[in-house]
Amino acid sequence: MSGGVDSTACAIMLQKTHAVQGFFMHLAQPDYQGQLARVEEIAARLGIRLTVVDLRRKFEERVLDYFAASYRSGLTPNPCLVCNRGIKFGLLAEAMIAAGVDTMATGHYARIVERDGIFHLHQGIDRHKDQSYFLARLHQAQLSRLRLPLGKRTKDETYAFVAAHGFTGFSGTESQDVCFLAAESVGDFLARRLPDLAGDGPVVTIDGREIGRHRGLFRHTVGQRRGLGLPDSSPWYVVRLDPASNSLIVGKQDDLLQRQVEIADLHWLAGIPAQSGDRFEVRLRSTHRGATATFETAGETRARLSFDLPQRAVTPGQFAVLYRGDEVLGSGVICR
């Protein structure tokens, strides 16, 4: 339980058919006490026993350290996928099982379908709120114990459902992408965590001309246009980060387009790896609409994706998630 509309709806729905307990993670939430008070209020109204699981140390090690180390290496991380696999559906699930819980349920907008003893992850029917991308690193043991009651609902239906049960005040309180930042920017967070990297460095065009200075590579990501301070007849965009020389590489709009992407640390949800020549719809970040690509193996854990059409602002450190229809088959970390 997070105190939001989705987990609240989940609890109300499951109370009709199951004995329900609530679990709340203590991570690095800036407004931990306020969020906890909200969860306690909802649990009390529903008559649900609430357990707080303190995962701060492991969250620090597995998520915050990964987050900072990625930026140190010139990558743009996705902490949600890492947290989901290792913390929420890892350590939290283990704590729940130890407390006697058989099945874990969350308010994610995605669906799990069992076929012949194998659990398959599918998109939620509300494509505007679909969260299957963020669950793409889960494995079979995690999927087998997981229930996603909202996968067949739209967000509007969820709001209406909780309102019908007397729970209001959720509108406009969507959870943010990086839960441990609150009002702080990524750049300011990293400036505190990586003070040795807070110095400036050259802004260099793809043909090697220095045209400005940056205030720390970690304040930038591929595709960024705003905040560069580089006036010109057409906009400049971040094309690449080079931590070895502390250089920010910039180019024009066309320089952001790529047809081929290399991915590593491949993970297959149903345990069946793809073969060279297989075709997938690939999402290169959570907000990417998806594009068709041909898969080519490059070893057990690496592959190359060749897109039918050039893709804009492909960002190393993000996850490429592979779909066939509405099913998530696998994923890999974008490395080049």
Protein backbone atom coordinates (compact mmCIF):
# COMPACT_ATOMS: atom_id res chain seq x y z
CA MET A 1 0.00 0.00 0.00
CA SER A 2 1.30 3.41 -0.99
CA GLY A 3 -1.57 5.64 0.05
CA GLY A 4 -2.51 6.25 -3.58
CA VAL A 5 -5.69 5.52 -5.50
CA ASP A 6 -4.39 2.38 -7.21
CA SER A 7 -3.28 0.40 -4.16
CA THR A 8 -6.42 1.55 -2.32
CA ALA A 9 -8.63 0.25 -5.15
CA CYS A 10 -6.65 -2.97 -5.14
CA ALA A 11 -7.27 -3.51 -1.42
CA ILE A 12 -10.99 -2.78 -1.69
CA MET A 13 -11.40 -5.21 -4.60
CA LEU A 14 -9.49 -8.05 -2.96
CA GLN A 15 -11.28 -7.74 0.37
CA LYS A 16 -14.35 -9.24 -1.32
CA THR A 17 -12.58 -12.54 -1.99
CA HIS A 18 -9.44 -12.71 0.16
CA ALA A 19 -8.07 -12.06 3.62
CA VAL A 20 -6.06 -8.90 2.97
CA GLN A 21 -3.05 -7.44 4.78
CA GLY A 22 -1.32 -4.18 3.93
CA PHE A 23 2.43 -3.66 3.60
CA PHE A 24 4.23 -0.34 3.29
CA MET A 25 7.88 0.11 2.34
CA HIS A 26 10.10 2.53 4.24
CA LEU A 27 12.59 3.55 1.56
CA ALA A 28 13.96 7.05 1.02
CA GLN A 29 10.69 8.93 0.65
CA PRO A 30 11.23 12.65 1.41
CA ASP A 31 7.72 12.84 2.91
CA TYR A 32 7.83 9.46 4.65
CA GLN A 33 5.82 10.48 7.72
CA GLY A 34 3.10 12.12 5.66
CA GLN A 35 2.84 9.16 3.31
CA LEU A 36 2.79 6.70 6.21
CA ALA A 37 0.00 8.65 7.91
CA ARG A 38 -2.04 8.48 4.71
CA VAL A 39 -1.52 4.71 4.41
CA GLU A 40 -2.39 4.18 8.08
CA GLU A 41 -5.63 6.13 7.63
CA ILE A 42 -6.68 4.07 4.60
CA ALA A 43 -5.75 0.76 6.26
CA ALA A 44 -7.73 1.72 9.38
CA ARG A 45 -10.81 2.63 7.35
CA LEU A 46 -10.64 -0.69 5.53
CA GLY A 47 -9.92 -2.67 8.69
CA ILE A 48 -6.64 -3.97 7.25
CA ARG A 49 -3.64 -4.84 9.39
CA LEU A 50 -0.68 -2.73 8.22
CA THR A 51 2.97 -3.74 8.41
CA VAL A 52 5.84 -1.34 7.71
CA VAL A 53 8.91 -2.99 6.18
CA ASP A 54 12.13 -1.03 6.63
CA LEU A 55 14.15 -1.43 3.43
CA ARG A 56 16.17 1.79 3.63
CA ARG A 57 19.61 0.18 3.73
CA LYS A 58 18.96 -2.19 0.83
CA PHE A 59 17.28 0.59 -1.17
CA GLU A 60 20.39 2.69 -0.64
CA GLU A 61 22.66 -0.13 -1.82
CA ARG A 62 20.62 -1.45 -4.73
CA VAL A 63 18.83 1.61 -6.07
CA LEU A 64 20.48 4.86 -4.96
CA ASP A 65 24.01 3.55 -5.48
CA TYR A 66 23.01 2.20 -8.91
CA PHE A 67 21.37 5.54 -9.74
CA ALA A 68 24.49 7.55 -8.86
CA ALA A 69 26.94 5.07 -10.39
CA SER A 70 25.05 5.17 -13.69
CA TYR A 71 25.32 8.93 -13.93
CA ARG A 72 29.00 8.73 -12.96
CA SER A 73 29.48 6.47 -15.99
CA GLY A 74 27.63 8.82 -18.32
CA LEU A 75 24.46 6.69 -18.38
CA THR A 76 20.84 7.62 -17.71
CA PRO A 77 19.41 4.99 -15.33
CA ASN A 78 15.88 3.77 -14.77
CA PRO A 79 15.61 3.15 -11.01
CA CYS A 80 11.99 1.93 -11.18
CA LEU A 81 12.87 -1.27 -13.09
CA VAL A 82 15.77 -1.99 -10.75
CA CYS A 83 13.66 -1.30 -7.65
CA ASN A 84 10.77 -3.42 -8.88
CA ARG A 85 12.90 -6.50 -9.40
CA GLY A 86 15.16 -6.23 -6.35
CA ILE A 87 13.14 -4.32 -3.77
CA LYS A 88 9.37 -4.24 -4.30
CA PHE A 89 8.93 -7.70 -5.85
CA GLY A 90 12.11 -8.98 -4.24
CA LEU A 91 12.80 -8.05 -0.63
CA LEU A 92 9.30 -6.74 0.13
CA ALA A 93 7.73 -9.88 -1.34
CA GLU A 94 10.08 -12.01 0.78
CA ALA A 95 9.00 -10.12 3.92
CA MET A 96 5.36 -10.64 3.01
CA ILE A 97 5.84 -14.37 2.46
CA ALA A 98 7.66 -14.62 5.78
CA ALA A 99 4.61 -12.98 7.39
CA GLY A 100 2.38 -15.73 6.03
CA VAL A 101 1.10 -14.07 2.86
CA ASP A 102 0.56 -16.40 -0.11
CA THR A 103 0.06 -13.87 -2.88
CA MET A 104 1.25 -10.33 -3.49
CA ALA A 105 -1.01 -7.79 -5.19
CA THR A 106 -0.20 -4.29 -6.44
CA GLY A 107 -2.03 -1.54 -8.29
CA HIS A 108 0.04 -1.75 -11.48
CA TYR A 109 -1.80 -1.40 -14.78
CA ALA A 110 -0.64 -4.62 -16.41
CA ARG A 111 -1.88 -8.21 -16.68
CA ILE A 112 -0.43 -11.63 -15.89
CA VAL A 113 -1.72 -14.63 -17.85
CA GLU A 114 -0.82 -18.23 -17.00
CA ARG A 115 -0.50 -20.67 -19.89
CA ASP A 116 0.70 -24.25 -19.35
CA GLY A 117 2.31 -23.35 -16.04
CA ILE A 118 4.21 -20.37 -17.47
CA PHE A 119 3.32 -16.84 -16.38
CA HIS A 120 3.19 -14.21 -19.13
CA LEU A 121 3.20 -10.44 -18.64
CA HIS A 122 0.83 -8.38 -20.82
CA GLN A 123 0.01 -4.71 -21.15
CA GLY A 124 -2.90 -3.27 -19.20
CA ILE A 125 -6.00 -2.49 -21.24
CA ASP A 126 -5.61 1.22 -20.43
CA ARG A 127 -2.72 1.95 -22.79
CA HIS A 128 -2.35 5.49 -21.45
CA LYS A 129 -1.58 4.09 -17.97
CA ASP A 130 0.03 0.77 -18.97
CA GLN A 131 2.93 -0.08 -16.62
CA SER A 132 4.14 -3.35 -18.15
CA TYR A 133 7.39 -1.61 -19.16
CA PHE A 134 8.33 -1.17 -15.50
CA LEU A 135 7.78 -4.89 -14.74
CA ALA A 136 9.93 -6.18 -17.60
CA ARG A 137 12.77 -7.41 -15.35
CA LEU A 138 10.62 -9.69 -13.19
CA HIS A 139 11.19 -13.46 -13.27
CA GLN A 140 8.83 -16.43 -13.15
CA ALA A 141 8.92 -16.91 -9.38
CA GLN A 142 7.90 -13.28 -8.90
CA LEU A 143 5.18 -13.35 -11.55
CA SER A 144 3.72 -16.58 -10.16
CA ARG A 145 2.96 -14.94 -6.78
CA LEU A 146 1.74 -11.65 -8.20
CA ARG A 147 -1.81 -10.43 -8.86
CA LEU A 148 -2.61 -7.23 -10.72
CA PRO A 149 -6.33 -6.53 -10.24
CA LEU A 150 -6.29 -3.21 -12.12
CA GLY A 151 -4.91 -4.62 -15.37
CA LYS A 152 -8.39 -4.91 -16.86
CA ARG A 153 -9.54 -1.47 -15.70
CA THR A 154 -8.95 2.07 -16.89
CA LYS A 155 -7.66 4.76 -14.57
CA ASP A 156 -11.00 6.58 -14.77
CA GLU A 157 -12.78 3.41 -13.67
CA THR A 158 -10.40 3.13 -10.71
CA TYR A 159 -11.20 6.68 -9.56
CA ALA A 160 -14.91 5.99 -9.87
CA PHE A 161 -14.57 2.68 -8.01
CA VAL A 162 -12.83 4.13 -4.95
CA ALA A 163 -15.19 7.12 -4.90
CA ALA A 164 -18.15 4.72 -4.81
CA HIS A 165 -16.59 3.22 -1.69
CA GLY A 166 -16.20 6.60 0.01
CA PHE A 167 -12.54 7.31 -0.81
CA THR A 168 -11.93 10.68 -2.44
CA GLY A 169 -9.17 13.28 -2.66
CA PHE A 170 -6.87 11.25 -4.91
CA SER A 171 -7.20 13.35 -8.06
CA GLY A 172 -3.95 15.05 -9.03
CA THR A 173 -1.83 12.96 -6.65
CA GLU A 174 -0.12 10.67 -9.18
CA SER A 175 3.13 9.18 -7.93
CA GLN A 176 6.21 10.74 -9.46
CA ASP A 177 8.79 8.99 -11.63
CA VAL A 178 11.66 9.19 -9.13
CA CYS A 179 10.10 8.65 -5.69
CA PHE A 180 13.16 9.67 -3.68
CA LEU A 181 13.53 13.16 -5.18
CA ALA A 182 10.32 15.02 -4.21
CA ALA A 183 10.80 18.65 -5.30
CA GLU A 184 14.56 18.23 -5.76
CA SER A 185 15.95 17.95 -9.30
CA VAL A 186 18.08 15.02 -10.41
CA GLY A 187 20.99 17.42 -10.90
CA ASP A 188 20.80 18.82 -7.38
CA PHE A 189 20.43 15.33 -5.87
CA LEU A 190 23.53 14.13 -7.73
CA ALA A 191 25.51 17.29 -6.94
CA ARG A 192 25.17 16.35 -3.26
CA ARG A 193 25.89 12.67 -3.88
CA LEU A 194 28.70 13.11 -6.43
CA PRO A 195 30.41 16.38 -5.45
CA ASP A 196 33.59 15.41 -7.29
CA LEU A 197 31.67 15.47 -10.57
CA ALA A 198 30.02 18.83 -10.02
CA GLY A 199 32.73 20.75 -11.89
CA ASP A 200 32.29 22.16 -15.37
CA GLY A 201 33.60 20.75 -18.63
CA PRO A 202 33.58 21.34 -22.39
CA VAL A 203 30.53 21.23 -24.63
CA VAL A 204 31.78 19.81 -27.92
CA THR A 205 30.10 19.38 -31.31
CA ILE A 206 30.23 15.97 -32.99
CA ASP A 207 32.97 17.31 -35.29
CA GLY A 208 35.15 18.29 -32.30
CA ARG A 209 34.56 22.03 -31.85
CA GLU A 210 34.23 23.34 -28.30
CA ILE A 211 31.30 25.76 -28.21
CA GLY A 212 30.53 26.11 -24.52
CA ARG A 213 30.85 24.73 -20.98
CA HIS A 214 28.56 22.48 -18.94
CA ARG A 215 28.04 22.46 -15.14
CA GLY A 216 28.29 18.70 -14.62
CA LEU A 217 27.56 15.86 -17.05
CA PHE A 218 24.98 14.38 -14.70
CA ARG A 219 22.75 17.40 -15.30
CA HIS A 220 22.19 16.27 -18.89
CA THR A 221 20.74 13.39 -20.86
CA VAL A 222 20.57 12.38 -24.52
CA GLY A 223 17.99 14.37 -26.47
CA GLN A 224 18.02 17.35 -24.08
CA ARG A 225 17.64 20.76 -25.68
CA ARG A 226 16.76 23.15 -22.86
CA GLY A 227 19.34 24.55 -20.49
CA LEU A 228 22.36 24.20 -22.77
CA GLY A 229 22.88 27.95 -23.25
CA LEU A 230 24.01 27.52 -26.85
CA PRO A 231 22.28 30.07 -29.11
CA ASP A 232 22.31 29.17 -32.79
CA SER A 233 20.15 29.37 -35.90
CA SER A 234 18.77 25.90 -35.06
CA PRO A 235 18.64 24.16 -31.68
CA TRP A 236 21.48 22.10 -30.26
CA TYR A 237 20.72 18.76 -28.60
CA VAL A 238 22.70 16.47 -26.32
CA VAL A 239 23.88 13.55 -28.46
CA ARG A 240 26.26 11.79 -26.10
CA LEU A 241 27.97 12.05 -22.70
CA ASP A 242 31.70 11.29 -22.55
CA PRO A 243 32.72 10.82 -18.90
CA ALA A 244 36.30 9.91 -19.86
CA SER A 245 36.93 13.48 -21.06
CA ASN A 246 34.09 15.08 -19.05
CA SER A 247 32.69 16.30 -22.37
CA LEU A 248 29.10 16.93 -23.38
CA ILE A 249 28.68 16.08 -27.07
CA VAL A 250 26.01 18.04 -28.91
CA GLY A 251 24.57 18.00 -32.40
CA LYS A 252 21.51 18.90 -34.41
CA GLN A 253 18.13 17.17 -34.65
CA ASP A 254 19.24 14.67 -37.30
CA ASP A 255 22.24 13.65 -35.18
CA LEU A 256 19.84 12.15 -32.63
CA LEU A 257 18.51 9.54 -35.07
CA GLN A 258 19.73 5.94 -34.97
CA ARG A 259 18.68 2.72 -36.65
CA GLN A 260 20.81 0.28 -34.65
CA VAL A 261 20.92 -0.14 -30.87
CA GLU A 262 23.03 -2.53 -28.84
CA ILE A 263 21.57 -3.98 -25.64
CA ALA A 264 23.11 -6.05 -22.85
CA ASP A 265 22.06 -8.00 -19.75
CA LEU A 266 19.23 -9.67 -21.65
CA HIS A 267 16.34 -11.00 -19.58
CA TRP A 268 13.48 -13.20 -20.85
CA LEU A 269 10.37 -13.30 -18.68
CA ALA A 270 9.24 -16.76 -19.75
CA GLY A 271 12.79 -18.08 -20.01
CA ILE A 272 12.73 -18.52 -23.79
CA PRO A 273 15.37 -16.38 -25.55
CA ALA A 274 14.73 -14.83 -28.93
CA GLN A 275 16.53 -15.95 -32.10
CA SER A 276 18.30 -13.83 -34.68
CA GLY A 277 15.78 -12.58 -37.19
CA ASP A 278 12.91 -12.36 -34.71
CA ARG A 279 10.83 -9.21 -34.97
CA PHE A 280 9.60 -7.23 -31.99
CA GLU A 281 7.88 -4.00 -31.10
CA VAL A 282 10.43 -2.26 -28.88
CA ARG A 283 9.95 0.50 -26.34
CA LEU A 284 13.21 2.37 -25.67
CA ARG A 285 11.92 4.22 -22.58
CA SER A 286 8.71 4.24 -20.60
CA THR A 287 7.18 7.07 -22.67
CA HIS A 288 8.29 5.65 -26.04
CA ARG A 289 5.34 4.52 -28.17
CA GLY A 290 7.30 1.58 -29.55
CA ALA A 291 8.89 0.81 -32.91
CA THR A 292 9.45 -2.35 -34.95
CA ALA A 293 12.96 -3.84 -34.91
CA THR A 294 14.79 -7.00 -35.95
CA PHE A 295 16.63 -8.85 -33.19
CA GLU A 296 20.16 -10.18 -33.76
CA THR A 297 22.02 -12.13 -31.09
CA ALA A 298 25.54 -11.02 -30.15
CA GLY A 299 26.26 -13.56 -27.40
CA GLU A 300 24.25 -15.00 -24.53
CA THR A 301 23.55 -11.67 -22.87
CA ARG A 302 23.91 -9.15 -25.70
CA ALA A 303 22.01 -8.34 -28.87
CA ARG A 304 21.58 -5.76 -31.61
CA LEU A 305 18.25 -4.21 -32.55
CA SER A 306 17.88 -2.94 -36.12
CA PHE A 307 14.88 -0.63 -36.41
CA ASP A 308 12.79 -0.25 -39.54
CA LEU A 309 12.76 3.50 -38.98
CA PRO A 310 15.41 5.66 -37.26
CA GLN A 311 14.71 6.25 -33.56
CA ARG A 312 15.31 9.56 -31.80
CA ALA A 313 17.42 10.10 -28.67
CA VAL A 314 18.27 6.50 -27.84
CA THR A 315 19.73 6.75 -24.34
CA PRO A 316 22.40 4.41 -22.90
CA GLY A 317 21.42 3.18 -19.45
CA GLN A 318 17.70 2.99 -20.23
CA PHE A 319 15.94 -0.31 -20.86
CA ALA A 320 14.76 -1.60 -24.21
CA VAL A 321 11.62 -3.68 -23.62
CA LEU A 322 10.58 -6.17 -26.29
CA TYR A 323 6.91 -6.81 -27.04
CA ARG A 324 5.07 -9.22 -29.30
CA GLY A 325 1.55 -7.94 -29.55
CA ASP A 326 0.67 -6.83 -26.03
CA GLU A 327 2.96 -9.34 -24.30
CA VAL A 328 6.33 -8.42 -22.76
CA LEU A 329 8.84 -11.06 -23.85
CA GLY A 330 12.13 -9.62 -22.65
CA SER A 331 14.35 -6.63 -22.07
CA GLY A 332 17.93 -5.42 -22.10
CA VAL A 333 19.94 -2.42 -21.01
CA ILE A 334 20.81 -0.01 -23.82
CA CYS A 335 24.59 0.17 -23.97
CA ARG A 336 25.28 1.79 -27.34
